Amino acid sequence: MNLRADTLRRIDEVITHYPQKRSAALPLLHFVQEDQGHVSTEAIEWIAARLEVEPINIYELVTFYPMFRQKPIGRRHIKVCRTLSCAIMGGYRTCSEFQKQFGTGLGEVSPDGEVTIEFVECLASCGTAPVVMIDDDLHERVDPARARSLSEKIKAESRATAGTR
């Protein structure tokens, strides 16, 4: 597996903080996902070997914790809350509008590779539902019209950076 030198250094360093190597599994999963964008089967096997555990011990963490992704996502990550308050206030319509704007389904990468849209559980802002998190930015009261506006902003930013990639 090809990890950046800095990631490998961080992995080596964090393992020393635990009396048992296996206890470093979660930090290693985070480091690998930051480096690679997701946690592949190859990464699961690599981490297991590095920590001297069976791959199933790492796989069960990846499948239990929702912050770990097993496949690549788009450059931008749109997370729409589907918990009760957001659902009642129109979260499903908001999510449908994002899917329409980017021509993609839930959990898929948009055709241009820019966006992945997912439903998530509780973004902890029930009083301002429906709530959407785009990358690390929280957006409140996102109705379909606001979803269109946010989508246009993402598309404009994508066009602006397309020439610099």
N, C-alpha and C. Protein backbone atom coordinates (compact mmCIF):
# COMPACT_ATOMS: atom_id res chain seq x y z
N MET A 1 0.84 -1.17 0.00
CA MET A 1 0.00 0.00 0.00
C MET A 1 0.90 1.24 0.00
N ASN A 2 0.55 2.21 -0.80
CA ASN A 2 1.35 3.43 -0.93
C ASN A 2 0.77 4.54 -0.06
N LEU A 3 1.41 4.76 1.07
CA LEU A 3 1.03 5.85 1.96
C LEU A 3 2.12 6.91 1.92
N ARG A 4 1.73 8.16 2.13
CA ARG A 4 2.71 9.24 2.18
C ARG A 4 3.66 9.01 3.35
N ALA A 5 4.87 9.52 3.23
CA ALA A 5 5.88 9.36 4.27
C ALA A 5 5.39 9.93 5.60
N ASP A 6 4.70 11.07 5.55
CA ASP A 6 4.19 11.68 6.77
C ASP A 6 3.15 10.78 7.45
N THR A 7 2.32 10.14 6.67
CA THR A 7 1.31 9.23 7.22
C THR A 7 2.00 8.05 7.90
N LEU A 8 2.99 7.50 7.25
CA LEU A 8 3.73 6.38 7.83
C LEU A 8 4.41 6.79 9.14
N ARG A 9 4.97 7.99 9.17
CA ARG A 9 5.61 8.49 10.39
C ARG A 9 4.59 8.62 11.51
N ARG A 10 3.41 9.17 11.19
CA ARG A 10 2.35 9.33 12.19
C ARG A 10 1.89 7.97 12.71
N ILE A 11 1.78 7.00 11.81
CA ILE A 11 1.38 5.65 12.21
C ILE A 11 2.40 5.05 13.17
N ASP A 12 3.67 5.12 12.79
CA ASP A 12 4.73 4.58 13.65
C ASP A 12 4.72 5.23 15.02
N GLU A 13 4.51 6.54 15.04
CA GLU A 13 4.54 7.28 16.30
C GLU A 13 3.34 6.95 17.19
N VAL A 14 2.15 6.89 16.61
CA VAL A 14 0.95 6.67 17.44
C VAL A 14 0.93 5.27 18.05
N ILE A 15 1.47 4.30 17.36
CA ILE A 15 1.48 2.93 17.90
C ILE A 15 2.24 2.89 19.23
N THR A 16 3.25 3.72 19.37
CA THR A 16 4.06 3.71 20.60
C THR A 16 3.27 4.21 21.81
N HIS A 17 2.12 4.84 21.59
CA HIS A 17 1.32 5.39 22.68
C HIS A 17 0.44 4.34 23.36
N TYR A 18 0.40 3.13 22.82
CA TYR A 18 -0.51 2.10 23.33
C TYR A 18 0.27 0.90 23.84
N PRO A 19 -0.12 0.39 25.01
CA PRO A 19 0.58 -0.79 25.54
C PRO A 19 0.35 -2.05 24.68
N GLN A 20 -0.78 -2.10 24.00
CA GLN A 20 -1.05 -3.19 23.06
C GLN A 20 -1.26 -2.55 21.68
N LYS A 21 -0.56 -3.07 20.68
CA LYS A 21 -0.63 -2.50 19.33
C LYS A 21 -2.07 -2.39 18.83
N ARG A 22 -2.87 -3.41 19.07
CA ARG A 22 -4.24 -3.45 18.54
C ARG A 22 -5.06 -2.23 18.96
N SER A 23 -4.70 -1.61 20.07
CA SER A 23 -5.44 -0.45 20.56
C SER A 23 -5.26 0.77 19.66
N ALA A 24 -4.30 0.74 18.77
CA ALA A 24 -4.06 1.85 17.84
C ALA A 24 -4.90 1.72 16.56
N ALA A 25 -5.79 0.77 16.51
CA ALA A 25 -6.55 0.51 15.28
C ALA A 25 -7.34 1.73 14.80
N LEU A 26 -8.07 2.39 15.68
CA LEU A 26 -8.88 3.54 15.24
C LEU A 26 -8.02 4.69 14.72
N PRO A 27 -6.96 5.09 15.43
CA PRO A 27 -6.12 6.15 14.85
C PRO A 27 -5.53 5.75 13.49
N LEU A 28 -5.11 4.50 13.34
CA LEU A 28 -4.56 4.07 12.05
C LEU A 28 -5.61 4.13 10.95
N LEU A 29 -6.83 3.74 11.26
CA LEU A 29 -7.90 3.83 10.27
C LEU A 29 -8.13 5.29 9.84
N HIS A 30 -8.11 6.19 10.80
CA HIS A 30 -8.27 7.62 10.47
C HIS A 30 -7.12 8.11 9.60
N PHE A 31 -5.88 7.76 9.96
CA PHE A 31 -4.72 8.20 9.18
C PHE A 31 -4.78 7.68 7.75
N VAL A 32 -5.13 6.41 7.60
CA VAL A 32 -5.19 5.81 6.26
C VAL A 32 -6.30 6.46 5.45
N GLN A 33 -7.46 6.69 6.06
CA GLN A 33 -8.55 7.31 5.32
C GLN A 33 -8.19 8.75 4.92
N GLU A 34 -7.53 9.48 5.80
CA GLU A 34 -7.08 10.84 5.45
C GLU A 34 -6.13 10.80 4.26
N ASP A 35 -5.26 9.82 4.24
CA ASP A 35 -4.25 9.69 3.19
C ASP A 35 -4.85 9.20 1.88
N GLN A 36 -5.70 8.19 1.94
CA GLN A 36 -6.20 7.52 0.75
C GLN A 36 -7.61 7.95 0.33
N GLY A 37 -8.36 8.59 1.24
CA GLY A 37 -9.72 8.99 0.93
C GLY A 37 -10.76 7.97 1.34
N HIS A 38 -10.34 6.76 1.60
CA HIS A 38 -11.23 5.70 2.06
C HIS A 38 -10.37 4.57 2.63
N VAL A 39 -11.03 3.55 3.19
CA VAL A 39 -10.32 2.41 3.75
C VAL A 39 -10.63 1.21 2.88
N SER A 40 -9.71 0.85 2.03
CA SER A 40 -9.89 -0.27 1.10
C SER A 40 -9.64 -1.60 1.79
N THR A 41 -9.96 -2.68 1.11
CA THR A 41 -9.66 -4.02 1.62
C THR A 41 -8.16 -4.17 1.82
N GLU A 42 -7.38 -3.64 0.88
CA GLU A 42 -5.93 -3.68 1.01
C GLU A 42 -5.48 -2.96 2.28
N ALA A 43 -6.10 -1.81 2.58
CA ALA A 43 -5.75 -1.05 3.78
C ALA A 43 -6.11 -1.81 5.04
N ILE A 44 -7.26 -2.46 5.04
CA ILE A 44 -7.67 -3.26 6.19
C ILE A 44 -6.64 -4.35 6.46
N GLU A 45 -6.21 -5.03 5.41
CA GLU A 45 -5.22 -6.10 5.56
C GLU A 45 -3.87 -5.53 6.01
N TRP A 46 -3.49 -4.38 5.49
CA TRP A 46 -2.22 -3.76 5.85
C TRP A 46 -2.21 -3.36 7.32
N ILE A 47 -3.31 -2.72 7.77
CA ILE A 47 -3.41 -2.31 9.17
C ILE A 47 -3.39 -3.53 10.08
N ALA A 48 -4.13 -4.57 9.71
CA ALA A 48 -4.15 -5.79 10.51
C ALA A 48 -2.75 -6.37 10.66
N ALA A 49 -2.02 -6.43 9.57
CA ALA A 49 -0.65 -6.96 9.63
C ALA A 49 0.23 -6.06 10.50
N ARG A 50 0.08 -4.76 10.35
CA ARG A 50 0.89 -3.80 11.12
C ARG A 50 0.63 -3.92 12.62
N LEU A 51 -0.63 -4.24 12.97
CA LEU A 51 -1.01 -4.33 14.39
C LEU A 51 -1.00 -5.78 14.90
N GLU A 52 -0.65 -6.70 14.03
CA GLU A 52 -0.57 -8.11 14.39
C GLU A 52 -1.89 -8.66 14.90
N VAL A 53 -2.96 -8.34 14.15
CA VAL A 53 -4.29 -8.88 14.42
C VAL A 53 -4.85 -9.46 13.12
N GLU A 54 -5.96 -10.13 13.23
CA GLU A 54 -6.61 -10.66 12.04
C GLU A 54 -7.35 -9.53 11.29
N PRO A 55 -7.42 -9.61 9.97
CA PRO A 55 -8.14 -8.57 9.22
C PRO A 55 -9.59 -8.37 9.69
N ILE A 56 -10.25 -9.43 10.15
CA ILE A 56 -11.64 -9.28 10.61
C ILE A 56 -11.73 -8.30 11.77
N ASN A 57 -10.67 -8.22 12.59
CA ASN A 57 -10.68 -7.29 13.72
C ASN A 57 -10.69 -5.84 13.26
N ILE A 58 -10.10 -5.57 12.13
CA ILE A 58 -10.10 -4.22 11.57
C ILE A 58 -11.38 -4.00 10.77
N TYR A 59 -11.79 -4.99 10.00
CA TYR A 59 -13.01 -4.91 9.19
C TYR A 59 -14.23 -4.59 10.07
N GLU A 60 -14.31 -5.22 11.26
CA GLU A 60 -15.46 -4.97 12.11
C GLU A 60 -15.50 -3.52 12.59
N LEU A 61 -14.38 -2.88 12.74
CA LEU A 61 -14.35 -1.45 13.10
C LEU A 61 -14.82 -0.59 11.93
N VAL A 62 -14.32 -0.92 10.75
CA VAL A 62 -14.68 -0.14 9.55
C VAL A 62 -16.18 -0.22 9.27
N THR A 63 -16.76 -1.39 9.49
CA THR A 63 -18.19 -1.55 9.20
C THR A 63 -19.08 -1.07 10.34
N PHE A 64 -18.54 -0.94 11.54
CA PHE A 64 -19.34 -0.48 12.68
C PHE A 64 -19.41 1.05 12.73
N TYR A 65 -18.28 1.71 12.57
CA TYR A 65 -18.23 3.16 12.71
C TYR A 65 -18.57 3.85 11.39
N PRO A 66 -19.58 4.74 11.40
CA PRO A 66 -20.02 5.36 10.14
C PRO A 66 -19.06 6.37 9.55
N MET A 67 -18.03 6.78 10.28
CA MET A 67 -17.11 7.78 9.73
C MET A 67 -16.11 7.17 8.75
N PHE A 68 -16.04 5.83 8.72
CA PHE A 68 -15.11 5.18 7.81
C PHE A 68 -15.82 4.81 6.51
N ARG A 69 -15.15 5.07 5.41
CA ARG A 69 -15.69 4.78 4.08
C ARG A 69 -14.87 3.67 3.44
N GLN A 70 -15.56 2.74 2.78
CA GLN A 70 -14.87 1.63 2.14
C GLN A 70 -14.68 1.85 0.64
N LYS A 71 -15.22 2.94 0.14
CA LYS A 71 -15.01 3.24 -1.28
C LYS A 71 -14.80 4.74 -1.43
N PRO A 72 -14.16 5.14 -2.50
CA PRO A 72 -13.89 6.57 -2.70
C PRO A 72 -15.18 7.38 -2.79
N ILE A 73 -15.07 8.64 -2.40
CA ILE A 73 -16.18 9.58 -2.54
C ILE A 73 -15.72 10.72 -3.43
N GLY A 74 -16.67 11.58 -3.79
CA GLY A 74 -16.34 12.76 -4.58
C GLY A 74 -15.49 13.73 -3.80
N ARG A 75 -14.99 14.75 -4.50
CA ARG A 75 -14.15 15.76 -3.84
C ARG A 75 -14.93 16.50 -2.75
N ARG A 76 -16.23 16.66 -2.94
CA ARG A 76 -17.11 17.32 -1.97
C ARG A 76 -18.06 16.27 -1.39
N HIS A 77 -18.32 16.37 -0.10
CA HIS A 77 -19.15 15.38 0.59
C HIS A 77 -20.35 16.09 1.20
N ILE A 78 -21.54 15.77 0.68
CA ILE A 78 -22.78 16.38 1.17
C ILE A 78 -23.49 15.35 2.05
N LYS A 79 -23.67 15.71 3.33
CA LYS A 79 -24.33 14.82 4.27
C LYS A 79 -25.63 15.48 4.71
N VAL A 80 -26.75 14.80 4.44
CA VAL A 80 -28.07 15.33 4.78
C VAL A 80 -28.62 14.54 5.96
N CYS A 81 -29.00 15.25 7.02
CA CYS A 81 -29.54 14.60 8.20
C CYS A 81 -30.91 14.01 7.87
N ARG A 82 -31.13 12.77 8.35
CA ARG A 82 -32.42 12.13 8.12
C ARG A 82 -33.12 11.77 9.42
N THR A 83 -32.60 12.27 10.53
CA THR A 83 -33.23 11.99 11.82
C THR A 83 -34.57 12.71 11.89
N LEU A 84 -35.40 12.36 12.86
CA LEU A 84 -36.80 12.76 12.92
C LEU A 84 -37.04 14.25 12.64
N SER A 85 -36.38 15.15 13.34
CA SER A 85 -36.64 16.58 13.15
C SER A 85 -36.38 17.00 11.71
N CYS A 86 -35.26 16.54 11.16
CA CYS A 86 -34.92 16.92 9.79
C CYS A 86 -35.89 16.26 8.79
N ALA A 87 -36.27 15.03 9.06
CA ALA A 87 -37.21 14.34 8.17
C ALA A 87 -38.55 15.07 8.14
N ILE A 88 -39.04 15.44 9.31
CA ILE A 88 -40.32 16.14 9.40
C ILE A 88 -40.26 17.49 8.70
N MET A 89 -39.12 18.16 8.79
CA MET A 89 -38.99 19.50 8.23
C MET A 89 -38.57 19.49 6.75
N GLY A 90 -38.46 18.32 6.14
CA GLY A 90 -38.22 18.27 4.70
C GLY A 90 -36.86 17.77 4.27
N GLY A 91 -36.15 17.11 5.14
CA GLY A 91 -34.82 16.61 4.81
C GLY A 91 -34.79 15.68 3.60
N TYR A 92 -35.83 14.87 3.43
CA TYR A 92 -35.85 13.95 2.29
C TYR A 92 -36.01 14.72 0.98
N ARG A 93 -36.82 15.78 0.99
CA ARG A 93 -36.96 16.62 -0.22
C ARG A 93 -35.65 17.34 -0.52
N THR A 94 -34.99 17.80 0.54
CA THR A 94 -33.70 18.47 0.38
C THR A 94 -32.69 17.52 -0.24
N CYS A 95 -32.64 16.30 0.27
CA CYS A 95 -31.71 15.31 -0.26
C CYS A 95 -32.01 15.01 -1.73
N SER A 96 -33.29 14.86 -2.05
CA SER A 96 -33.68 14.60 -3.44
C SER A 96 -33.24 15.73 -4.36
N GLU A 97 -33.33 16.95 -3.87
CA GLU A 97 -32.91 18.10 -4.69
C GLU A 97 -31.41 18.06 -4.96
N PHE A 98 -30.61 17.74 -3.93
CA PHE A 98 -29.17 17.61 -4.16
C PHE A 98 -28.89 16.51 -5.19
N GLN A 99 -29.58 15.39 -5.08
CA GLN A 99 -29.37 14.30 -6.04
C GLN A 99 -29.72 14.75 -7.45
N LYS A 100 -30.81 15.48 -7.58
CA LYS A 100 -31.23 16.00 -8.88
C LYS A 100 -30.19 16.97 -9.43
N GLN A 101 -29.71 17.87 -8.60
CA GLN A 101 -28.75 18.89 -9.03
C GLN A 101 -27.44 18.28 -9.53
N PHE A 102 -27.02 17.17 -8.91
CA PHE A 102 -25.73 16.58 -9.27
C PHE A 102 -25.86 15.30 -10.09
N GLY A 103 -27.10 14.90 -10.39
CA GLY A 103 -27.32 13.72 -11.24
C GLY A 103 -26.73 12.45 -10.66
N THR A 104 -26.91 12.26 -9.36
CA THR A 104 -26.34 11.08 -8.71
C THR A 104 -27.27 10.54 -7.64
N GLY A 105 -27.08 9.29 -7.29
CA GLY A 105 -27.84 8.66 -6.22
C GLY A 105 -27.10 8.73 -4.91
N LEU A 106 -27.76 8.28 -3.87
CA LEU A 106 -27.15 8.27 -2.54
C LEU A 106 -25.94 7.35 -2.51
N GLY A 107 -24.87 7.85 -1.91
CA GLY A 107 -23.67 7.04 -1.73
C GLY A 107 -22.84 6.86 -2.99
N GLU A 108 -23.26 7.47 -4.07
CA GLU A 108 -22.53 7.36 -5.34
C GLU A 108 -21.70 8.62 -5.56
N VAL A 109 -20.73 8.51 -6.43
CA VAL A 109 -19.95 9.67 -6.84
C VAL A 109 -20.62 10.24 -8.08
N SER A 110 -20.83 11.55 -8.10
CA SER A 110 -21.47 12.19 -9.25
C SER A 110 -20.66 11.92 -10.51
N PRO A 111 -21.31 11.98 -11.67
CA PRO A 111 -20.61 11.68 -12.92
C PRO A 111 -19.33 12.49 -13.15
N ASP A 112 -19.28 13.72 -12.62
CA ASP A 112 -18.08 14.55 -12.79
C ASP A 112 -17.03 14.29 -11.70
N GLY A 113 -17.33 13.39 -10.75
CA GLY A 113 -16.39 13.06 -9.69
C GLY A 113 -16.34 14.06 -8.56
N GLU A 114 -17.20 15.06 -8.61
CA GLU A 114 -17.13 16.15 -7.64
C GLU A 114 -17.82 15.87 -6.32
N VAL A 115 -18.97 15.17 -6.34
CA VAL A 115 -19.82 15.13 -5.16
C VAL A 115 -20.28 13.72 -4.82
N THR A 116 -20.37 13.44 -3.53
CA THR A 116 -21.05 12.27 -3.00
C THR A 116 -22.08 12.78 -2.01
N ILE A 117 -23.30 12.28 -2.12
CA ILE A 117 -24.40 12.69 -1.24
C ILE A 117 -24.79 11.49 -0.39
N GLU A 118 -24.91 11.72 0.91
CA GLU A 118 -25.30 10.65 1.81
C GLU A 118 -26.30 11.14 2.84
N PHE A 119 -27.17 10.24 3.28
CA PHE A 119 -27.98 10.49 4.46
C PHE A 119 -27.14 10.12 5.66
N VAL A 120 -27.23 10.91 6.72
CA VAL A 120 -26.52 10.61 7.96
C VAL A 120 -27.49 10.75 9.12
N GLU A 121 -27.10 10.20 10.24
CA GLU A 121 -27.90 10.32 11.45
C GLU A 121 -27.46 11.56 12.21
N CYS A 122 -28.38 12.32 12.65
CA CYS A 122 -28.27 13.48 13.53
C CYS A 122 -26.98 14.29 13.42
N LEU A 123 -27.15 15.49 12.90
CA LEU A 123 -26.05 16.45 12.85
C LEU A 123 -26.14 17.45 14.00
N ALA A 124 -26.99 17.13 14.98
CA ALA A 124 -27.06 17.85 16.26
C ALA A 124 -27.48 19.31 16.14
N SER A 125 -28.43 19.57 15.26
CA SER A 125 -28.97 20.92 15.15
C SER A 125 -30.47 20.83 14.85
N CYS A 126 -31.16 20.04 15.66
CA CYS A 126 -32.57 19.72 15.41
C CYS A 126 -33.46 20.95 15.32
N GLY A 127 -33.15 21.99 16.05
CA GLY A 127 -33.97 23.20 16.05
C GLY A 127 -33.86 24.01 14.77
N THR A 128 -32.89 23.67 13.92
CA THR A 128 -32.70 24.41 12.66
C THR A 128 -32.82 23.48 11.46
N ALA A 129 -33.66 22.46 11.59
CA ALA A 129 -33.83 21.45 10.56
C ALA A 129 -34.51 22.04 9.32
N PRO A 130 -34.26 21.41 8.17
CA PRO A 130 -33.32 20.33 7.89
C PRO A 130 -31.87 20.84 7.80
N VAL A 131 -30.98 19.98 8.25
CA VAL A 131 -29.58 20.34 8.36
C VAL A 131 -28.74 19.53 7.38
N VAL A 132 -27.76 20.20 6.79
CA VAL A 132 -26.86 19.58 5.82
C VAL A 132 -25.43 19.95 6.20
N MET A 133 -24.53 19.00 6.07
CA MET A 133 -23.12 19.29 6.26
C MET A 133 -22.44 19.08 4.92
N ILE A 134 -21.78 20.11 4.44
CA ILE A 134 -21.02 20.02 3.19
C ILE A 134 -19.55 20.09 3.58
N ASP A 135 -18.86 19.00 3.37
CA ASP A 135 -17.51 18.83 3.88
C ASP A 135 -17.57 19.03 5.39
N ASP A 136 -16.97 20.08 5.93
CA ASP A 136 -17.01 20.30 7.37
C ASP A 136 -17.88 21.49 7.77
N ASP A 137 -18.65 22.02 6.82
CA ASP A 137 -19.47 23.21 7.08
C ASP A 137 -20.94 22.84 7.26
N LEU A 138 -21.51 23.25 8.39
CA LEU A 138 -22.91 22.98 8.71
C LEU A 138 -23.79 24.05 8.09
N HIS A 139 -24.87 23.61 7.45
CA HIS A 139 -25.85 24.52 6.85
C HIS A 139 -27.21 24.19 7.46
N GLU A 140 -27.90 25.21 7.95
CA GLU A 140 -29.16 25.01 8.63
C GLU A 140 -30.32 25.50 7.78
N ARG A 141 -31.49 24.93 8.07
CA ARG A 141 -32.74 25.28 7.37
C ARG A 141 -32.57 25.16 5.85
N VAL A 142 -32.08 24.02 5.42
CA VAL A 142 -31.81 23.82 3.99
C VAL A 142 -33.04 23.16 3.34
N ASP A 143 -33.87 24.01 2.76
CA ASP A 143 -35.02 23.52 1.99
C ASP A 143 -34.55 23.28 0.55
N PRO A 144 -35.41 22.75 -0.33
CA PRO A 144 -34.96 22.49 -1.71
C PRO A 144 -34.41 23.73 -2.43
N ALA A 145 -34.98 24.90 -2.20
CA ALA A 145 -34.47 26.11 -2.85
C ALA A 145 -33.05 26.41 -2.38
N ARG A 146 -32.81 26.26 -1.09
CA ARG A 146 -31.46 26.49 -0.56
C ARG A 146 -30.50 25.41 -1.06
N ALA A 147 -31.01 24.18 -1.21
CA ALA A 147 -30.18 23.10 -1.75
C ALA A 147 -29.73 23.45 -3.17
N ARG A 148 -30.63 24.03 -3.96
CA ARG A 148 -30.26 24.46 -5.32
C ARG A 148 -29.18 25.54 -5.26
N SER A 149 -29.34 26.49 -4.36
CA SER A 149 -28.36 27.57 -4.22
C SER A 149 -27.00 27.03 -3.79
N LEU A 150 -26.99 26.14 -2.82
CA LEU A 150 -25.72 25.54 -2.37
C LEU A 150 -25.09 24.71 -3.49
N SER A 151 -25.92 24.02 -4.25
CA SER A 151 -25.42 23.22 -5.38
C SER A 151 -24.76 24.11 -6.42
N GLU A 152 -25.37 25.24 -6.71
CA GLU A 152 -24.79 26.17 -7.68
C GLU A 152 -23.45 26.70 -7.18
N LYS A 153 -23.37 26.96 -5.89
CA LYS A 153 -22.11 27.43 -5.31
C LYS A 153 -21.02 26.36 -5.46
N ILE A 154 -21.36 25.12 -5.18
CA ILE A 154 -20.40 24.02 -5.32
C ILE A 154 -19.95 23.88 -6.77
N LYS A 155 -20.91 23.96 -7.69
CA LYS A 155 -20.58 23.85 -9.12
C LYS A 155 -19.66 25.00 -9.55
N ALA A 156 -19.94 26.21 -9.09
CA ALA A 156 -19.11 27.37 -9.44
C ALA A 156 -17.70 27.20 -8.89
N GLU A 157 -17.59 26.74 -7.64
CA GLU A 157 -16.27 26.52 -7.05
C GLU A 157 -15.51 25.43 -7.82
N SER A 158 -16.22 24.42 -8.26
CA SER A 158 -15.61 23.34 -9.02
C SER A 158 -15.08 23.85 -10.36
N ARG A 159 -15.88 24.69 -11.03
CA ARG A 159 -15.43 25.26 -12.30
C ARG A 159 -14.20 26.14 -12.10
N ALA A 160 -14.20 26.91 -10.99
CA ALA A 160 -13.09 27.82 -10.72
C ALA A 160 -11.79 27.08 -10.44
N THR A 161 -11.89 25.92 -9.81
CA THR A 161 -10.67 25.17 -9.47
C THR A 161 -10.31 24.15 -10.54
N ALA A 162 -11.16 23.93 -11.51
CA ALA A 162 -10.90 22.93 -12.55
C ALA A 162 -9.61 23.23 -13.32
N GLY A 163 -9.34 24.49 -13.53
CA GLY A 163 -8.14 24.87 -14.26
C GLY A 163 -6.86 24.76 -13.45
N THR A 164 -7.00 24.66 -12.13
CA THR A 164 -5.80 24.60 -11.28
C THR A 164 -5.42 23.17 -10.92
N ARG A 165 -6.22 22.20 -11.34
CA ARG A 165 -5.90 20.80 -11.02
C ARG A 165 -5.09 20.16 -12.09
